[in-house]
Protein backbone atom coordinates (compact mmCIF):
# COMPACT_ATOMS: atom_id res chain seq x y z
CA UNK A 1 48.64 61.87 6.54
CA UNK A 2 52.01 62.00 5.28
CA UNK A 3 54.13 59.65 3.94
CA UNK A 4 57.99 59.02 3.01
CA UNK A 5 57.82 55.75 0.89
CA UNK A 6 61.14 55.41 0.53
CA UNK A 7 61.74 56.01 4.37
CA UNK A 8 63.46 52.85 5.85
CA UNK A 9 61.16 51.46 8.66
CA UNK A 10 61.97 51.79 12.61
CA UNK A 11 61.60 48.90 14.92
CA UNK A 12 60.50 51.48 17.37
CA UNK A 13 57.19 52.13 15.59
CA UNK A 14 56.53 48.17 15.69
CA UNK A 15 57.60 48.61 19.14
CA UNK A 16 55.42 51.29 20.23
CA UNK A 17 53.67 52.19 17.11
CA UNK A 18 50.95 54.85 19.24
CA UNK A 19 51.95 57.13 22.24
CA UNK A 20 51.35 60.69 23.57
CA UNK A 21 54.76 61.89 25.37
CA UNK A 22 57.70 61.51 23.18
CA UNK A 23 61.49 63.83 23.46
CA UNK A 24 64.32 63.19 20.64
CA UNK A 25 67.14 64.10 21.26
CA UNK A 26 70.43 63.74 18.62
CA UNK A 27 74.35 65.01 17.75
CA UNK A 28 76.70 64.45 15.21
CA UNK A 29 79.84 62.49 15.16
CA UNK A 30 83.31 62.08 13.51
CA UNK A 31 82.80 58.85 13.50
CA UNK A 32 81.72 56.55 11.05
CA UNK A 33 78.38 54.47 11.40
CA UNK A 34 79.74 50.84 12.54
CA UNK A 35 82.00 52.53 15.26
CA UNK A 36 79.31 54.77 16.53
CA UNK A 37 76.82 52.03 16.67
CA UNK A 38 79.30 50.16 18.80
CA UNK A 39 80.08 52.30 20.97
CA UNK A 40 75.93 52.66 21.67
CA UNK A 41 75.64 49.40 22.15
CA UNK A 42 78.30 49.03 24.58
CA UNK A 43 77.13 51.86 26.21
CA UNK A 44 77.04 51.22 29.86
CA UNK A 45 74.05 53.64 31.52
CA UNK A 46 75.97 53.78 35.28
CA UNK A 47 78.89 54.68 33.73
CA UNK A 48 77.24 58.05 32.42
CA UNK A 49 78.37 61.38 34.32
CA UNK A 50 77.46 65.00 34.56
CA UNK A 51 77.09 67.77 36.97
CA UNK A 52 73.22 68.22 35.88
CA UNK A 53 72.94 64.48 35.13
CA UNK A 54 74.14 63.07 38.46
CA UNK A 55 71.81 65.64 40.38
CA UNK A 56 68.80 63.89 38.63
CA UNK A 57 69.68 60.27 39.61
CA UNK A 58 69.48 61.77 43.40
CA UNK A 59 66.96 63.26 43.44
CA UNK A 60 64.91 60.98 41.19
CA UNK A 61 65.85 58.33 44.01
CA UNK A 62 65.14 60.46 47.78
CA UNK A 63 61.88 59.31 48.18
CA UNK A 64 63.78 55.28 49.01
CA UNK A 65 66.49 57.30 50.87
CA UNK A 66 64.28 58.96 53.01
CA UNK A 67 62.30 55.93 53.36
CA UNK A 68 65.18 53.52 54.10
CA UNK A 69 64.61 51.73 51.42
CA UNK A 70 66.88 52.61 48.58
CA UNK A 71 66.99 50.58 45.20
CA UNK A 72 69.24 47.96 44.88
CA UNK A 73 71.98 49.39 41.60
CA UNK A 74 72.80 46.54 39.72
CA UNK A 75 76.64 46.39 38.93
CA UNK A 76 76.36 47.58 35.32
CA UNK A 77 73.44 48.65 32.32
CA UNK A 78 74.93 47.65 29.41
CA UNK A 79 72.85 48.18 26.47
CA UNK A 80 74.01 45.24 24.78
CA UNK A 81 73.04 43.37 27.63
CA UNK A 82 70.11 43.32 27.29
CA UNK A 83 70.21 41.66 23.78
CA UNK A 84 72.81 39.47 23.95
CA UNK A 85 70.99 38.00 26.77
CA UNK A 86 67.67 37.59 24.65
CA UNK A 87 70.01 36.32 21.74
CA UNK A 88 71.07 33.36 23.60
CA UNK A 89 69.18 32.89 26.98
CA UNK A 90 65.51 33.82 26.62
CA UNK A 91 64.70 32.97 30.62
CA UNK A 92 68.28 34.06 31.60
CA UNK A 93 66.78 37.59 32.32
CA UNK A 94 66.33 38.60 36.57
CA UNK A 95 62.99 39.16 37.16
CA UNK A 96 64.04 42.17 38.08
CA UNK A 97 65.54 44.07 35.73
CA UNK A 98 62.67 45.74 33.93
CA UNK A 99 64.11 46.72 30.72
CA UNK A 100 64.76 44.91 28.04
CA UNK A 101 65.35 44.89 24.50
CA UNK A 102 62.80 44.38 22.00
CA UNK A 103 64.47 44.98 19.05
CA UNK A 104 67.70 45.39 17.30
CA UNK A 105 68.76 46.13 13.14
CA UNK A 106 72.45 45.61 13.64
CA UNK A 107 74.61 47.86 12.49
CA UNK A 108 71.67 50.69 12.91
CA UNK A 109 69.23 50.85 15.73
CA UNK A 110 68.55 49.54 19.27
CA UNK A 111 65.26 49.38 21.03
CA UNK A 112 64.89 48.93 24.04
CA UNK A 113 61.91 49.29 26.51
CA UNK A 114 59.82 48.69 30.57
CA UNK A 115 56.18 48.53 31.17
CA UNK A 116 55.77 50.72 34.69
CA UNK A 117 54.55 53.32 36.85
CA UNK A 118 57.07 55.89 37.11
CA UNK A 119 54.85 59.07 38.45
CA UNK A 120 54.39 56.67 41.61
CA UNK A 121 57.85 58.13 44.18
CA UNK A 122 59.23 54.27 44.08
CA UNK A 123 58.80 53.12 40.45
CA UNK A 124 56.50 50.29 40.25
CA UNK A 125 57.55 48.03 37.40
CA UNK A 126 56.11 45.43 35.61
CA UNK A 127 58.26 42.73 33.65
CA UNK A 128 56.89 42.50 30.07
CA UNK A 129 58.60 39.82 27.51
CA UNK A 130 60.08 41.62 24.28
CA UNK A 131 57.08 39.15 22.64
CA UNK A 132 54.36 40.79 24.46
CA UNK A 133 55.59 44.55 24.66
CA UNK A 134 54.05 45.68 21.80
CA UNK A 135 50.34 44.89 22.87
CA UNK A 136 50.41 44.47 26.20
CA UNK A 137 47.36 46.58 27.39
CA UNK A 138 46.55 45.74 31.16
CA UNK A 139 44.83 49.05 32.50
CA UNK A 140 46.99 51.38 34.56
CA UNK A 141 50.51 51.14 32.85
CA UNK A 142 52.80 53.32 31.48
CA UNK A 143 54.85 51.76 28.08
CA UNK A 144 57.77 53.42 27.49
CA UNK A 145 60.54 52.74 24.45
CA UNK A 146 63.27 54.39 23.55
CA UNK A 147 65.49 53.54 20.58
CA UNK A 148 68.91 54.79 19.86
CA UNK A 149 69.23 55.21 15.74
CA UNK A 150 72.50 55.90 13.01
CA UNK A 151 72.59 57.79 10.20
CA UNK A 152 75.33 58.24 7.82
CA UNK A 153 76.12 61.91 7.61
CA UNK A 154 78.56 63.09 5.33
CA UNK A 155 81.52 60.25 3.90
CA UNK A 156 83.09 60.17 7.54
CA UNK A 157 80.29 61.18 9.65
CA UNK A 158 77.35 59.95 11.77
CA UNK A 159 74.12 61.40 12.81
CA UNK A 160 72.88 60.00 16.19
CA UNK A 161 69.32 60.17 17.54
CA UNK A 162 68.10 58.69 20.78
CA UNK A 163 63.98 59.02 20.92
CA UNK A 164 61.59 58.35 24.54
CA UNK A 165 58.27 57.24 24.07
CA UNK A 166 55.13 56.63 26.00
CA UNK A 167 51.87 55.00 25.82
CA UNK A 168 49.95 54.48 28.04
CA UNK A 169 46.87 51.75 28.76
CA UNK A 170 44.68 53.45 30.11
CA UNK A 171 42.56 57.55 30.44
CA UNK A 172 43.65 57.73 33.83
CA UNK A 173 47.41 56.43 33.37
CA UNK A 174 47.95 58.59 30.65
CA UNK A 175 46.74 61.63 33.27
CA UNK A 176 49.04 60.77 36.13
CA UNK A 177 52.17 60.38 33.34
CA UNK A 178 51.20 64.05 31.69
CA UNK A 179 51.63 65.30 35.63
CA UNK A 180 54.75 63.25 35.91
CA UNK A 181 56.05 64.26 32.13
CA UNK A 182 55.32 67.77 32.93
CA UNK A 183 58.25 67.68 36.35
CA UNK A 184 60.62 65.11 34.77
CA UNK A 185 60.83 66.62 30.84
CA UNK A 186 63.44 68.60 31.33
CA UNK A 187 65.42 65.95 33.63
CA UNK A 188 64.90 63.41 30.91
CA UNK A 189 66.64 65.39 28.51
CA UNK A 190 69.63 65.87 30.47
CA UNK A 191 70.21 62.61 30.44
CA UNK A 192 69.95 61.00 27.39
CA UNK A 193 72.21 64.59 25.84
CA UNK A 194 74.62 62.67 28.71
CA UNK A 195 74.06 59.38 27.23
CA UNK A 196 74.50 60.44 23.25
CA UNK A 197 77.47 62.35 24.86
CA UNK A 198 79.17 58.73 26.74
CA UNK A 199 79.19 57.45 23.55
CA UNK A 200 80.12 60.36 20.86
CA UNK A 201 83.14 59.88 23.08
CA UNK A 202 83.80 56.40 23.16
CA UNK A 203 83.34 56.61 19.33
CA UNK A 204 85.44 59.58 18.22
CA UNK A 205 88.06 58.21 20.24
CA UNK A 206 88.15 54.73 18.99
CA UNK A 207 87.90 56.63 14.95
CA UNK A 208 91.26 59.06 16.36
CA UNK A 209 93.18 56.28 17.52
CA UNK A 210 92.46 54.45 14.26
CA UNK A 211 93.68 57.47 12.19
CA UNK A 212 96.62 58.13 14.39
CA UNK A 213 97.78 53.83 13.87
CA UNK A 214 96.86 54.12 9.87
CA UNK A 215 99.56 57.21 9.91
CA UNK A 216 101.72 55.74 12.49
CA UNK A 217 102.08 52.46 9.60
CA UNK A 218 102.27 55.78 6.64
CA UNK A 219 105.20 57.05 8.50
CA UNK A 220 107.01 53.54 9.05
CA UNK A 221 106.50 52.07 5.70
C-alpha cells in the first residue's frame, strides 16, 4: 500500500478509517485558510439553499409528510454548535440530535458524524457519543462521518474539501445501504456542493470587505 509519510493525518481517518461508501467534493476560494475555516465552522446547514438542494431536501422529507408526521426542524444546524457543545457541556446536547462533533483541528479540519439507518423511509437514528463512535459496532447500522478540511492554495487562496464516508456494521446493513446509496449519491453531491458554495460566498465576502477596509485606510492615510 502506498503511503505519504510526510502527509499530515486527518482526524477523519481516526473517526472512520474503514468505510465502503464515500463522496468527496471540493472548491477553490479567493480567501485565506483562516477566513475559510471560520466560514466553514459558522455554516448553518439550514441556510443552505439552491433550487436543486431544495428539491432534494423536499424529496427526502416526502414520506414523513405523506404520513402526516413531518420531522420537526431545529432552529439552526450550525457546525460550530456541535463542537462548542462538546467543549462546554458534554452532557448538554439534545438527545434527539444524532449528529455529533467527532474532532476538530482548529484552523484546518472539522469532523462530524451520526449513526443511523438512512435506507428507511423515515430515518432511524442512534445517538452515539463522540468517544464511542470509532468503535461502535452494533449490527444493523450505518456509521456516517464527514469532514471539512481547509488546505492553503497559493499565498492568498484556499482549497476546501468536503468528504462524506459511510461504513456499515454488518453485511446486511451494507447491502441495504448500497441500494440506498445508488439512488441518493447524486443528491448527496448536490447537498455537499451547495454547502461548499455557501462557505465560499461567506469567506470571499469577508475577504473582500477586509481588502476594501485596508484600501480605504490607505487612501485616508
